[in-house]
């Protein structure tokens, strides 16, 4: 059985890979991320940060459970954002919300709570499917990764050392 530290490292490496792939799509393939994509990246970074801290700290059982719980909750929040994104992509064209302002504009001109609310409601650019692999879009793959991260993290709550 893998140690908690190795499982946390595995999760951190998955997060790092997700962020590298997102960077590739943005900077090499020139796919501009929508606000929901950016929010998913933020949660990937948060989960990865918690997992990296857990690797470096190498805690005992209580710490393992705390880090696992925090990373698990963050991964589930990321998964819910991915599900919202997939739902927007599944809407018929006549039901897709209109395109809204960019994330930078919203952050500059609205309170943070209003900005998060607007991002979670989604907009037209979030409904576009710009890339697929075996019929699954980017938020679909991100959802699968968040589910893996959540299972890996939450499993640490029930670990006996």
N, C-alpha and C. Protein backbone atom coordinates (compact mmCIF):
# COMPACT_ATOMS: atom_id res chain seq x y z
N UNK A 1 0.85 -1.18 0.00
CA UNK A 1 0.00 0.00 0.00
C UNK A 1 0.90 1.25 0.00
N UNK A 2 0.51 2.23 -0.79
CA UNK A 2 1.28 3.48 -0.85
C UNK A 2 1.10 4.29 0.43
N UNK A 3 2.16 4.94 0.84
CA UNK A 3 2.08 5.80 2.02
C UNK A 3 1.25 7.04 1.70
N UNK A 4 0.77 7.70 2.74
CA UNK A 4 0.01 8.94 2.54
C UNK A 4 0.84 9.97 1.80
N UNK A 5 2.12 10.04 2.16
CA UNK A 5 2.99 11.03 1.52
C UNK A 5 3.09 10.78 0.02
N UNK A 6 3.19 9.53 -0.38
CA UNK A 6 3.27 9.22 -1.82
C UNK A 6 1.94 9.49 -2.53
N UNK A 7 0.84 9.22 -1.85
CA UNK A 7 -0.47 9.52 -2.45
C UNK A 7 -0.65 11.03 -2.61
N UNK A 8 -0.24 11.80 -1.60
CA UNK A 8 -0.31 13.25 -1.71
C UNK A 8 0.58 13.73 -2.85
N UNK A 9 1.77 13.14 -3.00
CA UNK A 9 2.66 13.52 -4.09
C UNK A 9 2.03 13.18 -5.44
N UNK A 10 1.40 12.04 -5.53
CA UNK A 10 0.72 11.65 -6.76
C UNK A 10 -0.37 12.67 -7.11
N UNK A 11 -1.15 13.07 -6.12
CA UNK A 11 -2.19 14.08 -6.35
C UNK A 11 -1.61 15.41 -6.76
N UNK A 12 -0.52 15.82 -6.10
CA UNK A 12 0.14 17.07 -6.47
C UNK A 12 0.64 17.00 -7.92
N UNK A 13 1.24 15.88 -8.32
CA UNK A 13 1.73 15.74 -9.70
C UNK A 13 0.58 15.79 -10.71
N UNK A 14 -0.58 15.24 -10.34
CA UNK A 14 -1.76 15.34 -11.21
C UNK A 14 -2.18 16.80 -11.37
N UNK A 15 -2.19 17.55 -10.27
CA UNK A 15 -2.54 18.97 -10.34
C UNK A 15 -1.53 19.74 -11.20
N UNK A 16 -0.24 19.44 -11.02
CA UNK A 16 0.79 20.11 -11.81
C UNK A 16 0.61 19.79 -13.29
N UNK A 17 0.30 18.53 -13.60
CA UNK A 17 0.06 18.15 -15.00
C UNK A 17 -1.15 18.87 -15.57
N UNK A 18 -2.22 18.98 -14.76
CA UNK A 18 -3.42 19.69 -15.23
C UNK A 18 -3.10 21.14 -15.57
N UNK A 19 -2.32 21.79 -14.72
CA UNK A 19 -1.98 23.19 -14.96
C UNK A 19 -1.05 23.34 -16.16
N UNK A 20 -0.15 22.39 -16.35
CA UNK A 20 0.72 22.42 -17.53
C UNK A 20 -0.09 22.24 -18.81
N UNK A 21 -1.04 21.32 -18.78
CA UNK A 21 -1.90 21.11 -19.96
C UNK A 21 -2.73 22.36 -20.24
N UNK A 22 -3.26 22.98 -19.19
CA UNK A 22 -4.03 24.22 -19.37
C UNK A 22 -3.15 25.31 -19.97
N UNK A 23 -1.91 25.41 -19.50
CA UNK A 23 -0.98 26.38 -20.07
C UNK A 23 -0.68 26.08 -21.53
N UNK A 24 -0.53 24.80 -21.86
CA UNK A 24 -0.31 24.42 -23.26
C UNK A 24 -1.48 24.86 -24.13
N UNK A 25 -2.70 24.54 -23.67
CA UNK A 25 -3.87 24.94 -24.45
C UNK A 25 -3.93 26.45 -24.64
N UNK A 26 -3.60 27.20 -23.60
CA UNK A 26 -3.71 28.65 -23.69
C UNK A 26 -2.58 29.28 -24.51
N UNK A 27 -1.35 28.88 -24.23
CA UNK A 27 -0.21 29.59 -24.81
C UNK A 27 0.34 28.97 -26.09
N UNK A 28 0.11 27.69 -26.31
CA UNK A 28 0.60 27.02 -27.53
C UNK A 28 -0.53 26.87 -28.54
N UNK A 29 -1.68 26.34 -28.08
CA UNK A 29 -2.83 26.15 -28.98
C UNK A 29 -3.69 27.40 -29.11
N UNK A 30 -3.39 28.44 -28.33
CA UNK A 30 -4.11 29.71 -28.37
C UNK A 30 -5.61 29.57 -28.09
N UNK A 31 -5.97 28.67 -27.16
CA UNK A 31 -7.36 28.56 -26.72
C UNK A 31 -7.53 29.48 -25.51
N UNK A 32 -8.30 30.53 -25.69
CA UNK A 32 -8.51 31.51 -24.61
C UNK A 32 -9.43 30.91 -23.55
N UNK A 33 -9.00 30.86 -22.28
CA UNK A 33 -9.85 30.27 -21.24
C UNK A 33 -11.02 31.18 -20.89
N UNK A 34 -12.17 30.57 -20.69
CA UNK A 34 -13.35 31.32 -20.25
C UNK A 34 -13.26 31.50 -18.73
N UNK A 35 -14.12 32.31 -18.14
CA UNK A 35 -14.07 32.51 -16.69
C UNK A 35 -14.21 31.21 -15.87
N UNK A 36 -15.05 30.28 -16.31
CA UNK A 36 -15.17 29.02 -15.58
C UNK A 36 -13.89 28.18 -15.69
N UNK A 37 -13.22 28.24 -16.84
CA UNK A 37 -11.93 27.55 -16.98
C UNK A 37 -10.92 28.11 -16.00
N UNK A 38 -10.89 29.42 -15.88
CA UNK A 38 -9.95 30.06 -14.96
C UNK A 38 -10.27 29.66 -13.52
N UNK A 39 -11.55 29.62 -13.18
CA UNK A 39 -11.94 29.22 -11.82
C UNK A 39 -11.55 27.76 -11.54
N UNK A 40 -11.67 26.89 -12.54
CA UNK A 40 -11.23 25.51 -12.37
C UNK A 40 -9.72 25.45 -12.16
N UNK A 41 -8.99 26.30 -12.85
CA UNK A 41 -7.53 26.36 -12.65
C UNK A 41 -7.19 26.81 -11.24
N UNK A 42 -7.95 27.77 -10.73
CA UNK A 42 -7.72 28.25 -9.37
C UNK A 42 -7.90 27.10 -8.38
N UNK A 43 -8.96 26.31 -8.55
CA UNK A 43 -9.18 25.19 -7.63
C UNK A 43 -8.14 24.10 -7.82
N UNK A 44 -7.67 23.90 -9.04
CA UNK A 44 -6.58 22.95 -9.26
C UNK A 44 -5.33 23.41 -8.51
N UNK A 45 -5.05 24.70 -8.59
CA UNK A 45 -3.90 25.27 -7.88
C UNK A 45 -4.06 25.14 -6.37
N UNK A 46 -5.27 25.38 -5.87
CA UNK A 46 -5.51 25.26 -4.42
C UNK A 46 -5.33 23.82 -3.94
N UNK A 47 -5.91 22.87 -4.66
CA UNK A 47 -5.77 21.46 -4.29
C UNK A 47 -4.30 21.06 -4.34
N UNK A 48 -3.62 21.44 -5.43
CA UNK A 48 -2.21 21.11 -5.57
C UNK A 48 -1.36 21.71 -4.47
N UNK A 49 -1.68 22.93 -4.07
CA UNK A 49 -0.93 23.58 -2.99
C UNK A 49 -1.09 22.85 -1.67
N UNK A 50 -2.32 22.47 -1.34
CA UNK A 50 -2.56 21.72 -0.11
C UNK A 50 -1.81 20.39 -0.15
N UNK A 51 -1.86 19.71 -1.29
CA UNK A 51 -1.19 18.42 -1.40
C UNK A 51 0.33 18.57 -1.31
N UNK A 52 0.88 19.62 -1.91
CA UNK A 52 2.32 19.86 -1.82
C UNK A 52 2.74 20.15 -0.38
N UNK A 53 1.96 20.96 0.30
CA UNK A 53 2.26 21.24 1.72
C UNK A 53 2.21 19.94 2.52
N UNK A 54 1.25 19.07 2.22
CA UNK A 54 1.16 17.79 2.92
C UNK A 54 2.40 16.93 2.65
N UNK A 55 2.87 16.94 1.40
CA UNK A 55 4.07 16.17 1.06
C UNK A 55 5.27 16.69 1.85
N UNK A 56 5.43 18.01 1.86
CA UNK A 56 6.59 18.61 2.53
C UNK A 56 6.51 18.46 4.05
N UNK A 57 5.30 18.55 4.59
CA UNK A 57 5.11 18.45 6.04
C UNK A 57 5.26 17.02 6.54
N UNK A 58 4.79 16.05 5.73
CA UNK A 58 4.80 14.63 6.08
C UNK A 58 4.22 14.40 7.48
N UNK A 59 2.94 14.76 7.67
CA UNK A 59 2.33 14.71 9.00
C UNK A 59 2.02 13.29 9.46
N UNK A 60 1.66 13.20 10.72
CA UNK A 60 1.16 11.95 11.29
C UNK A 60 -0.32 11.83 10.93
N UNK A 61 -1.00 10.88 11.51
CA UNK A 61 -2.36 10.52 11.10
C UNK A 61 -3.36 11.69 11.17
N UNK A 62 -3.32 12.49 12.23
CA UNK A 62 -4.26 13.62 12.33
C UNK A 62 -3.99 14.63 11.22
N UNK A 63 -2.75 14.95 10.96
CA UNK A 63 -2.40 15.88 9.89
C UNK A 63 -2.78 15.34 8.52
N UNK A 64 -2.57 14.04 8.33
CA UNK A 64 -2.95 13.39 7.07
C UNK A 64 -4.45 13.58 6.84
N UNK A 65 -5.22 13.39 7.89
CA UNK A 65 -6.68 13.54 7.76
C UNK A 65 -7.07 14.99 7.50
N UNK A 66 -6.40 15.91 8.14
CA UNK A 66 -6.72 17.34 7.93
C UNK A 66 -6.39 17.74 6.50
N UNK A 67 -5.18 17.42 6.04
CA UNK A 67 -4.80 17.75 4.67
C UNK A 67 -5.72 17.04 3.66
N UNK A 68 -6.00 15.78 3.92
CA UNK A 68 -6.89 15.04 3.02
C UNK A 68 -8.28 15.64 2.97
N UNK A 69 -8.79 16.06 4.13
CA UNK A 69 -10.13 16.68 4.17
C UNK A 69 -10.18 18.00 3.42
N UNK A 70 -9.17 18.84 3.66
CA UNK A 70 -9.13 20.14 2.98
C UNK A 70 -9.01 19.94 1.47
N UNK A 71 -8.07 19.10 1.04
CA UNK A 71 -7.89 18.86 -0.40
C UNK A 71 -9.14 18.23 -1.00
N UNK A 72 -9.79 17.33 -0.25
CA UNK A 72 -11.00 16.68 -0.75
C UNK A 72 -12.14 17.67 -0.97
N UNK A 73 -12.33 18.56 -0.01
CA UNK A 73 -13.39 19.58 -0.14
C UNK A 73 -13.09 20.49 -1.34
N UNK A 74 -11.84 20.93 -1.47
CA UNK A 74 -11.47 21.79 -2.60
C UNK A 74 -11.66 21.07 -3.94
N UNK A 75 -11.31 19.77 -3.97
CA UNK A 75 -11.49 18.99 -5.20
C UNK A 75 -12.98 18.85 -5.54
N UNK A 76 -13.81 18.66 -4.53
CA UNK A 76 -15.26 18.56 -4.78
C UNK A 76 -15.83 19.88 -5.27
N UNK A 77 -15.34 20.99 -4.73
CA UNK A 77 -15.77 22.31 -5.23
C UNK A 77 -15.33 22.49 -6.69
N UNK A 78 -14.11 22.08 -6.99
CA UNK A 78 -13.65 22.14 -8.38
C UNK A 78 -14.49 21.27 -9.30
N UNK A 79 -14.85 20.08 -8.81
CA UNK A 79 -15.70 19.18 -9.60
C UNK A 79 -17.07 19.81 -9.85
N UNK A 80 -17.61 20.50 -8.86
CA UNK A 80 -18.93 21.13 -9.06
C UNK A 80 -18.84 22.24 -10.10
N UNK A 81 -17.74 22.96 -10.14
CA UNK A 81 -17.56 24.00 -11.16
C UNK A 81 -17.45 23.34 -12.54
N UNK A 82 -16.73 22.23 -12.62
CA UNK A 82 -16.61 21.50 -13.89
C UNK A 82 -17.98 21.00 -14.35
N UNK A 83 -18.80 20.52 -13.41
CA UNK A 83 -20.15 20.05 -13.78
C UNK A 83 -21.00 21.20 -14.30
N UNK A 84 -20.89 22.36 -13.66
CA UNK A 84 -21.62 23.53 -14.14
C UNK A 84 -21.18 23.88 -15.56
N UNK A 85 -19.87 23.82 -15.80
CA UNK A 85 -19.33 24.12 -17.12
C UNK A 85 -19.85 23.12 -18.15
N UNK A 86 -19.87 21.84 -17.80
CA UNK A 86 -20.41 20.82 -18.71
C UNK A 86 -21.89 21.04 -18.98
N UNK A 87 -22.62 21.45 -17.96
CA UNK A 87 -24.05 21.73 -18.15
C UNK A 87 -24.24 22.87 -19.15
N UNK A 88 -23.45 23.93 -19.01
CA UNK A 88 -23.54 25.04 -19.95
C UNK A 88 -23.22 24.58 -21.38
N UNK A 89 -22.24 23.68 -21.51
CA UNK A 89 -21.88 23.18 -22.84
C UNK A 89 -22.96 22.29 -23.43
N UNK A 90 -23.81 21.73 -22.59
CA UNK A 90 -24.86 20.83 -23.08
C UNK A 90 -26.14 21.56 -23.49
N UNK A 91 -26.23 22.85 -23.18
CA UNK A 91 -27.44 23.60 -23.49
C UNK A 91 -27.64 23.76 -25.00
N UNK A 92 -28.90 23.73 -25.46
CA UNK A 92 -29.16 24.06 -26.86
C UNK A 92 -28.75 25.52 -27.13
N UNK A 93 -28.39 25.80 -28.36
CA UNK A 93 -27.86 27.12 -28.73
C UNK A 93 -28.79 28.26 -28.32
N UNK A 94 -30.11 28.04 -28.38
CA UNK A 94 -31.04 29.12 -28.05
C UNK A 94 -31.15 29.37 -26.54
N UNK A 95 -30.60 28.48 -25.71
CA UNK A 95 -30.65 28.65 -24.26
C UNK A 95 -29.32 29.07 -23.64
N UNK A 96 -28.30 29.19 -24.47
CA UNK A 96 -26.98 29.59 -23.97
C UNK A 96 -27.04 31.06 -23.55
N UNK A 97 -26.53 31.38 -22.35
CA UNK A 97 -26.52 32.79 -21.94
C UNK A 97 -25.65 33.63 -22.86
N UNK A 98 -25.93 34.90 -22.90
CA UNK A 98 -25.13 35.79 -23.73
C UNK A 98 -23.73 35.92 -23.14
N UNK A 99 -22.80 36.30 -23.99
CA UNK A 99 -21.42 36.48 -23.53
C UNK A 99 -21.35 37.68 -22.58
N UNK A 100 -20.58 37.53 -21.55
CA UNK A 100 -20.44 38.59 -20.56
C UNK A 100 -19.08 39.24 -20.66
N UNK A 101 -18.79 40.15 -19.75
CA UNK A 101 -17.48 40.79 -19.75
C UNK A 101 -16.40 39.80 -19.34
N UNK A 102 -15.16 40.11 -19.66
CA UNK A 102 -14.05 39.26 -19.28
C UNK A 102 -13.82 39.26 -17.78
N UNK A 103 -13.10 38.26 -17.31
CA UNK A 103 -12.86 38.12 -15.88
C UNK A 103 -12.09 39.31 -15.33
N UNK A 104 -11.11 39.80 -16.04
CA UNK A 104 -10.34 40.97 -15.56
C UNK A 104 -11.24 42.19 -15.39
N UNK A 105 -12.14 42.41 -16.32
CA UNK A 105 -13.07 43.53 -16.22
C UNK A 105 -13.96 43.37 -14.98
N UNK A 106 -14.47 42.14 -14.79
CA UNK A 106 -15.34 41.91 -13.63
C UNK A 106 -14.59 42.13 -12.32
N UNK A 107 -13.36 41.63 -12.24
CA UNK A 107 -12.58 41.80 -11.01
C UNK A 107 -12.26 43.26 -10.74
N UNK A 108 -12.04 44.03 -11.80
CA UNK A 108 -11.71 45.45 -11.65
C UNK A 108 -12.93 46.30 -11.29
N UNK A 109 -14.13 45.89 -11.70
CA UNK A 109 -15.30 46.76 -11.59
C UNK A 109 -16.40 46.28 -10.66
N UNK A 110 -16.29 45.07 -10.14
CA UNK A 110 -17.34 44.53 -9.28
C UNK A 110 -16.73 43.98 -8.00
N UNK A 111 -17.50 43.95 -6.91
CA UNK A 111 -17.01 43.28 -5.69
C UNK A 111 -16.77 41.80 -5.97
N UNK A 112 -15.87 41.20 -5.19
CA UNK A 112 -15.49 39.80 -5.42
C UNK A 112 -16.69 38.86 -5.39
N UNK A 113 -17.60 39.06 -4.45
CA UNK A 113 -18.79 38.21 -4.37
C UNK A 113 -19.64 38.27 -5.63
N UNK A 114 -19.82 39.49 -6.16
CA UNK A 114 -20.59 39.64 -7.40
C UNK A 114 -19.87 38.99 -8.57
N UNK A 115 -18.55 39.14 -8.60
CA UNK A 115 -17.76 38.55 -9.69
C UNK A 115 -17.88 37.03 -9.67
N UNK A 116 -17.75 36.43 -8.50
CA UNK A 116 -17.87 34.97 -8.40
C UNK A 116 -19.25 34.51 -8.82
N UNK A 117 -20.28 35.25 -8.41
CA UNK A 117 -21.65 34.92 -8.79
C UNK A 117 -21.82 34.97 -10.31
N UNK A 118 -21.28 36.02 -10.94
CA UNK A 118 -21.39 36.15 -12.40
C UNK A 118 -20.63 35.02 -13.11
N UNK A 119 -19.46 34.68 -12.61
CA UNK A 119 -18.67 33.61 -13.22
C UNK A 119 -19.41 32.28 -13.12
N UNK A 120 -19.98 31.99 -11.95
CA UNK A 120 -20.67 30.71 -11.77
C UNK A 120 -21.94 30.62 -12.60
N UNK A 121 -22.57 31.74 -12.88
CA UNK A 121 -23.75 31.71 -13.76
C UNK A 121 -23.34 31.33 -15.17
N UNK A 122 -22.10 31.67 -15.53
CA UNK A 122 -21.60 31.31 -16.85
C UNK A 122 -22.04 32.30 -17.90
N UNK A 123 -21.42 32.18 -19.05
CA UNK A 123 -21.75 33.04 -20.17
C UNK A 123 -21.53 32.27 -21.46
N UNK A 124 -21.80 32.93 -22.57
CA UNK A 124 -21.75 32.27 -23.87
C UNK A 124 -20.42 31.63 -24.18
N UNK A 125 -19.32 32.30 -23.81
CA UNK A 125 -18.01 31.72 -24.14
C UNK A 125 -17.75 30.43 -23.34
N UNK A 126 -18.41 30.27 -22.20
CA UNK A 126 -18.25 29.05 -21.41
C UNK A 126 -18.97 27.87 -22.06
N UNK A 127 -19.92 28.14 -22.93
CA UNK A 127 -20.69 27.08 -23.57
C UNK A 127 -20.00 26.54 -24.82
N UNK A 128 -18.97 27.23 -25.29
CA UNK A 128 -18.25 26.76 -26.48
C UNK A 128 -17.40 25.54 -26.14
N UNK A 129 -17.44 24.56 -27.04
CA UNK A 129 -16.57 23.39 -26.91
C UNK A 129 -15.45 23.59 -27.92
N UNK A 130 -14.25 23.91 -27.41
CA UNK A 130 -13.13 24.25 -28.28
C UNK A 130 -12.22 23.06 -28.57
N UNK A 131 -12.32 22.00 -27.76
CA UNK A 131 -11.41 20.86 -27.90
C UNK A 131 -12.07 19.64 -27.27
N UNK A 132 -11.89 18.49 -27.89
CA UNK A 132 -12.35 17.23 -27.29
C UNK A 132 -11.32 16.15 -27.56
N UNK A 133 -11.33 15.16 -26.69
CA UNK A 133 -10.54 13.95 -26.88
C UNK A 133 -11.45 12.79 -26.53
N UNK A 134 -11.60 11.87 -27.44
CA UNK A 134 -12.55 10.75 -27.39
C UNK A 134 -13.94 11.22 -26.96
N UNK A 135 -14.34 12.35 -27.48
CA UNK A 135 -15.68 12.87 -27.26
C UNK A 135 -15.89 13.59 -25.94
N UNK A 136 -14.82 13.79 -25.17
CA UNK A 136 -14.94 14.47 -23.87
C UNK A 136 -14.23 15.81 -23.96
N UNK A 137 -14.93 16.87 -23.55
CA UNK A 137 -14.38 18.22 -23.62
C UNK A 137 -13.45 18.48 -22.43
N UNK A 138 -12.80 19.63 -22.47
CA UNK A 138 -11.85 19.99 -21.42
C UNK A 138 -12.49 19.95 -20.03
N UNK A 139 -13.68 20.57 -19.82
CA UNK A 139 -14.26 20.48 -18.48
C UNK A 139 -14.64 19.04 -18.08
N UNK A 140 -14.90 18.20 -19.05
CA UNK A 140 -15.17 16.79 -18.75
C UNK A 140 -13.93 16.09 -18.20
N UNK A 141 -12.80 16.33 -18.85
CA UNK A 141 -11.54 15.76 -18.36
C UNK A 141 -11.16 16.35 -17.00
N UNK A 142 -11.43 17.64 -16.85
CA UNK A 142 -11.14 18.29 -15.57
C UNK A 142 -12.01 17.69 -14.47
N UNK A 143 -13.28 17.43 -14.77
CA UNK A 143 -14.17 16.79 -13.79
C UNK A 143 -13.62 15.42 -13.39
N UNK A 144 -13.19 14.63 -14.36
CA UNK A 144 -12.63 13.31 -14.04
C UNK A 144 -11.40 13.45 -13.13
N UNK A 145 -10.54 14.42 -13.42
CA UNK A 145 -9.35 14.63 -12.60
C UNK A 145 -9.74 15.07 -11.18
N UNK A 146 -10.72 15.96 -11.07
CA UNK A 146 -11.17 16.39 -9.74
C UNK A 146 -11.77 15.22 -8.95
N UNK A 147 -12.47 14.33 -9.63
CA UNK A 147 -13.03 13.16 -8.95
C UNK A 147 -11.91 12.27 -8.43
N UNK A 148 -10.89 12.05 -9.25
CA UNK A 148 -9.73 11.26 -8.80
C UNK A 148 -9.07 11.94 -7.61
N UNK A 149 -8.88 13.25 -7.68
CA UNK A 149 -8.26 13.99 -6.58
C UNK A 149 -9.11 13.91 -5.31
N UNK A 150 -10.42 14.01 -5.47
CA UNK A 150 -11.31 13.93 -4.31
C UNK A 150 -11.24 12.55 -3.67
N UNK A 151 -11.27 11.50 -4.47
CA UNK A 151 -11.20 10.14 -3.93
C UNK A 151 -9.86 9.92 -3.23
N UNK A 152 -8.79 10.33 -3.88
CA UNK A 152 -7.45 10.19 -3.30
C UNK A 152 -7.37 10.93 -1.97
N UNK A 153 -7.88 12.15 -1.94
CA UNK A 153 -7.78 12.98 -0.73
C UNK A 153 -8.70 12.49 0.38
N UNK A 154 -9.94 12.24 0.04
CA UNK A 154 -10.92 11.83 1.06
C UNK A 154 -10.58 10.45 1.62
N UNK A 155 -9.95 9.59 0.81
CA UNK A 155 -9.56 8.28 1.31
C UNK A 155 -8.58 8.39 2.48
N UNK A 156 -7.87 9.51 2.56
CA UNK A 156 -6.91 9.71 3.66
C UNK A 156 -7.62 9.89 5.00
N UNK A 157 -8.89 10.25 4.98
CA UNK A 157 -9.65 10.40 6.22
C UNK A 157 -9.85 9.05 6.91
N UNK A 158 -9.82 7.98 6.14
CA UNK A 158 -10.11 6.65 6.68
C UNK A 158 -8.87 5.78 6.75
N UNK A 159 -7.73 6.38 6.61
CA UNK A 159 -6.46 5.65 6.59
C UNK A 159 -6.00 5.31 8.00
N UNK A 160 -5.48 4.12 8.18
CA UNK A 160 -4.90 3.69 9.45
C UNK A 160 -3.41 3.53 9.26
N UNK A 161 -2.64 4.16 10.15
CA UNK A 161 -1.18 4.04 10.03
C UNK A 161 -0.61 3.37 11.25
